[in-house]
């Protein structure tokens, strides 16, 4: 259950463009280990719906995590 809270926090950081490279690796690990769980899939689906609506600037990197593309803007 702790990983779900951490997942939400990491996705918030990703959405706010404040995620670090270390946090991105943690996010990747959570999705790799728990990505098929229904609760995790629901959390990810809510993020993807919100992320699709957000305008992406040119200063981003596309990362493939858990079979899904994430747009990442690194601040550090």
N, C-alpha and C. Protein backbone atom coordinates (compact mmCIF):
# COMPACT_ATOMS: atom_id res chain seq x y z
N UNK A 1 0.81 -1.20 0.00
CA UNK A 1 0.00 0.00 0.00
C UNK A 1 0.86 1.27 0.00
N UNK A 2 2.01 1.23 0.63
CA UNK A 2 2.89 2.40 0.67
C UNK A 2 3.30 2.82 -0.74
N UNK A 3 3.48 1.84 -1.62
CA UNK A 3 3.92 2.16 -2.98
C UNK A 3 2.85 2.92 -3.75
N UNK A 4 1.58 2.75 -3.40
CA UNK A 4 0.51 3.49 -4.08
C UNK A 4 0.59 4.98 -3.74
N UNK A 5 0.86 5.27 -2.47
CA UNK A 5 1.04 6.66 -2.05
C UNK A 5 2.26 7.25 -2.74
N UNK A 6 3.33 6.47 -2.78
CA UNK A 6 4.56 6.93 -3.44
C UNK A 6 4.32 7.12 -4.94
N UNK A 7 3.56 6.21 -5.54
CA UNK A 7 3.24 6.32 -6.97
C UNK A 7 2.49 7.62 -7.25
N UNK A 8 1.48 7.92 -6.44
CA UNK A 8 0.73 9.17 -6.63
C UNK A 8 1.64 10.39 -6.51
N UNK A 9 2.51 10.36 -5.50
CA UNK A 9 3.43 11.47 -5.29
C UNK A 9 4.38 11.65 -6.48
N UNK A 10 4.92 10.54 -6.97
CA UNK A 10 5.83 10.60 -8.11
C UNK A 10 5.12 11.08 -9.37
N UNK A 11 3.89 10.63 -9.56
CA UNK A 11 3.13 11.08 -10.73
C UNK A 11 2.80 12.56 -10.62
N UNK A 12 2.54 13.04 -9.40
CA UNK A 12 2.33 14.48 -9.21
C UNK A 12 3.58 15.25 -9.58
N UNK A 13 4.74 14.75 -9.15
CA UNK A 13 6.01 15.40 -9.50
C UNK A 13 6.22 15.39 -11.01
N UNK A 14 5.90 14.28 -11.63
CA UNK A 14 6.03 14.17 -13.09
C UNK A 14 5.09 15.16 -13.77
N UNK A 15 3.88 15.25 -13.28
CA UNK A 15 2.89 16.15 -13.86
C UNK A 15 3.28 17.62 -13.68
N UNK A 16 3.92 17.92 -12.56
CA UNK A 16 4.32 19.30 -12.27
C UNK A 16 5.71 19.63 -12.80
N UNK A 17 6.30 18.70 -13.53
CA UNK A 17 7.64 18.88 -14.11
C UNK A 17 8.70 19.08 -13.04
N UNK A 18 8.55 18.41 -11.90
CA UNK A 18 9.53 18.55 -10.82
C UNK A 18 10.18 17.21 -10.47
N UNK A 19 10.02 16.21 -11.30
CA UNK A 19 10.58 14.89 -11.00
C UNK A 19 12.09 14.89 -11.25
N UNK A 20 12.80 14.18 -10.39
CA UNK A 20 14.24 14.03 -10.57
C UNK A 20 14.52 12.72 -11.29
N UNK A 21 15.73 12.56 -11.74
CA UNK A 21 16.09 11.30 -12.42
C UNK A 21 15.98 10.11 -11.47
N UNK A 22 16.33 10.31 -10.21
CA UNK A 22 16.23 9.23 -9.22
C UNK A 22 14.77 8.86 -9.01
N UNK A 23 13.91 9.86 -8.88
CA UNK A 23 12.48 9.59 -8.70
C UNK A 23 11.91 8.89 -9.92
N UNK A 24 12.39 9.23 -11.09
CA UNK A 24 11.93 8.56 -12.30
C UNK A 24 12.28 7.08 -12.27
N UNK A 25 13.45 6.74 -11.77
CA UNK A 25 13.86 5.33 -11.65
C UNK A 25 12.98 4.60 -10.63
N UNK A 26 12.63 5.30 -9.54
CA UNK A 26 11.73 4.71 -8.54
C UNK A 26 10.36 4.47 -9.16
N UNK A 27 9.86 5.44 -9.91
CA UNK A 27 8.58 5.31 -10.60
C UNK A 27 8.61 4.11 -11.54
N UNK A 28 9.68 3.98 -12.28
CA UNK A 28 9.84 2.85 -13.20
C UNK A 28 9.80 1.53 -12.44
N UNK A 29 10.46 1.45 -11.29
CA UNK A 29 10.46 0.23 -10.49
C UNK A 29 9.08 -0.13 -9.98
N UNK A 30 8.34 0.86 -9.51
CA UNK A 30 6.98 0.61 -9.02
C UNK A 30 6.10 0.09 -10.14
N UNK A 31 6.19 0.71 -11.31
CA UNK A 31 5.36 0.28 -12.43
C UNK A 31 5.77 -1.11 -12.90
N UNK A 32 7.06 -1.40 -12.92
CA UNK A 32 7.52 -2.73 -13.33
C UNK A 32 7.01 -3.81 -12.38
N UNK A 33 7.04 -3.52 -11.07
CA UNK A 33 6.64 -4.53 -10.08
C UNK A 33 5.14 -4.63 -9.88
N UNK A 34 4.44 -3.50 -9.95
CA UNK A 34 3.02 -3.49 -9.58
C UNK A 34 2.10 -2.98 -10.68
N UNK A 35 2.62 -2.75 -11.87
CA UNK A 35 1.85 -2.13 -12.94
C UNK A 35 0.62 -2.87 -13.40
N UNK A 36 0.55 -4.17 -13.16
CA UNK A 36 -0.60 -4.95 -13.60
C UNK A 36 -1.70 -5.05 -12.55
N UNK A 37 -1.45 -4.51 -11.35
CA UNK A 37 -2.45 -4.55 -10.29
C UNK A 37 -3.57 -3.55 -10.62
N UNK A 38 -4.83 -3.96 -10.42
CA UNK A 38 -5.96 -3.09 -10.79
C UNK A 38 -5.90 -1.70 -10.15
N UNK A 39 -5.54 -1.61 -8.88
CA UNK A 39 -5.47 -0.30 -8.21
C UNK A 39 -4.41 0.59 -8.86
N UNK A 40 -3.28 0.00 -9.19
CA UNK A 40 -2.19 0.76 -9.81
C UNK A 40 -2.59 1.18 -11.22
N UNK A 41 -3.23 0.28 -11.94
CA UNK A 41 -3.68 0.61 -13.30
C UNK A 41 -4.68 1.77 -13.26
N UNK A 42 -5.53 1.80 -12.24
CA UNK A 42 -6.50 2.89 -12.10
C UNK A 42 -5.79 4.23 -11.84
N UNK A 43 -4.78 4.22 -10.97
CA UNK A 43 -4.00 5.42 -10.68
C UNK A 43 -3.31 5.91 -11.95
N UNK A 44 -2.70 4.99 -12.68
CA UNK A 44 -1.99 5.35 -13.91
C UNK A 44 -2.95 5.88 -14.98
N UNK A 45 -4.11 5.27 -15.09
CA UNK A 45 -5.08 5.71 -16.09
C UNK A 45 -5.53 7.15 -15.81
N UNK A 46 -5.76 7.48 -14.53
CA UNK A 46 -6.13 8.85 -14.17
C UNK A 46 -5.01 9.82 -14.55
N UNK A 47 -3.76 9.42 -14.31
CA UNK A 47 -2.63 10.27 -14.69
C UNK A 47 -2.58 10.47 -16.20
N UNK A 48 -2.72 9.37 -16.96
CA UNK A 48 -2.60 9.46 -18.42
C UNK A 48 -3.70 10.34 -19.02
N UNK A 49 -4.91 10.24 -18.47
CA UNK A 49 -6.01 11.08 -18.95
C UNK A 49 -5.66 12.55 -18.73
N UNK A 50 -5.17 12.86 -17.54
CA UNK A 50 -4.80 14.25 -17.21
C UNK A 50 -3.61 14.70 -18.06
N UNK A 51 -2.63 13.82 -18.25
CA UNK A 51 -1.42 14.17 -18.99
C UNK A 51 -1.71 14.41 -20.47
N UNK A 52 -2.66 13.69 -21.02
CA UNK A 52 -3.01 13.87 -22.43
C UNK A 52 -3.56 15.27 -22.70
N UNK A 53 -4.21 15.84 -21.68
CA UNK A 53 -4.80 17.16 -21.83
C UNK A 53 -3.78 18.28 -21.66
N UNK A 54 -2.66 17.96 -21.04
CA UNK A 54 -1.64 18.96 -20.76
C UNK A 54 -0.80 19.22 -22.00
N UNK A 55 -0.52 20.47 -22.26
CA UNK A 55 0.32 20.83 -23.40
C UNK A 55 1.78 20.56 -23.06
N UNK A 56 2.48 19.86 -23.92
CA UNK A 56 3.88 19.50 -23.71
C UNK A 56 4.76 20.50 -24.46
N UNK A 57 5.75 21.04 -23.75
CA UNK A 57 6.69 21.96 -24.40
C UNK A 57 7.71 21.16 -25.20
N UNK A 58 8.56 21.86 -25.93
CA UNK A 58 9.59 21.19 -26.73
C UNK A 58 10.72 20.64 -25.87
N UNK A 59 10.88 21.15 -24.65
CA UNK A 59 11.99 20.75 -23.77
C UNK A 59 11.58 19.55 -22.93
N UNK A 60 11.36 18.42 -23.58
CA UNK A 60 10.99 17.22 -22.84
C UNK A 60 11.68 16.00 -23.43
N UNK A 61 11.60 14.93 -22.68
CA UNK A 61 12.15 13.66 -23.12
C UNK A 61 11.04 12.63 -23.01
N UNK A 62 10.92 11.78 -23.99
CA UNK A 62 9.93 10.71 -23.93
C UNK A 62 10.58 9.49 -23.30
N UNK A 63 9.94 8.96 -22.25
CA UNK A 63 10.45 7.76 -21.57
C UNK A 63 9.39 6.67 -21.67
N UNK A 64 9.81 5.49 -22.01
CA UNK A 64 8.91 4.35 -22.05
C UNK A 64 9.02 3.62 -20.72
N UNK A 65 7.94 3.65 -19.94
CA UNK A 65 7.91 3.01 -18.63
C UNK A 65 6.68 2.12 -18.58
N UNK A 66 6.88 0.86 -18.30
CA UNK A 66 5.75 -0.05 -18.19
C UNK A 66 4.92 -0.12 -19.45
N UNK A 67 5.56 0.04 -20.59
CA UNK A 67 4.86 -0.05 -21.86
C UNK A 67 4.09 1.20 -22.24
N UNK A 68 4.21 2.26 -21.45
CA UNK A 68 3.53 3.52 -21.74
C UNK A 68 4.55 4.62 -21.91
N UNK A 69 4.25 5.60 -22.73
CA UNK A 69 5.15 6.73 -22.94
C UNK A 69 4.82 7.82 -21.94
N UNK A 70 5.86 8.27 -21.24
CA UNK A 70 5.75 9.40 -20.32
C UNK A 70 6.58 10.53 -20.91
N UNK A 71 6.09 11.75 -20.80
CA UNK A 71 6.84 12.92 -21.23
C UNK A 71 7.47 13.53 -19.99
N UNK A 72 8.80 13.59 -19.95
CA UNK A 72 9.52 14.02 -18.76
C UNK A 72 10.30 15.29 -19.06
N UNK A 73 10.15 16.25 -18.17
CA UNK A 73 10.96 17.47 -18.22
C UNK A 73 11.80 17.46 -16.95
N UNK A 74 13.11 17.37 -17.10
CA UNK A 74 14.01 17.30 -15.95
C UNK A 74 14.34 18.70 -15.44
N UNK A 75 14.26 18.85 -14.13
CA UNK A 75 14.68 20.10 -13.50
C UNK A 75 16.06 19.98 -12.91
N UNK A 76 16.54 18.77 -12.67
CA UNK A 76 17.89 18.58 -12.13
C UNK A 76 18.42 17.23 -12.56
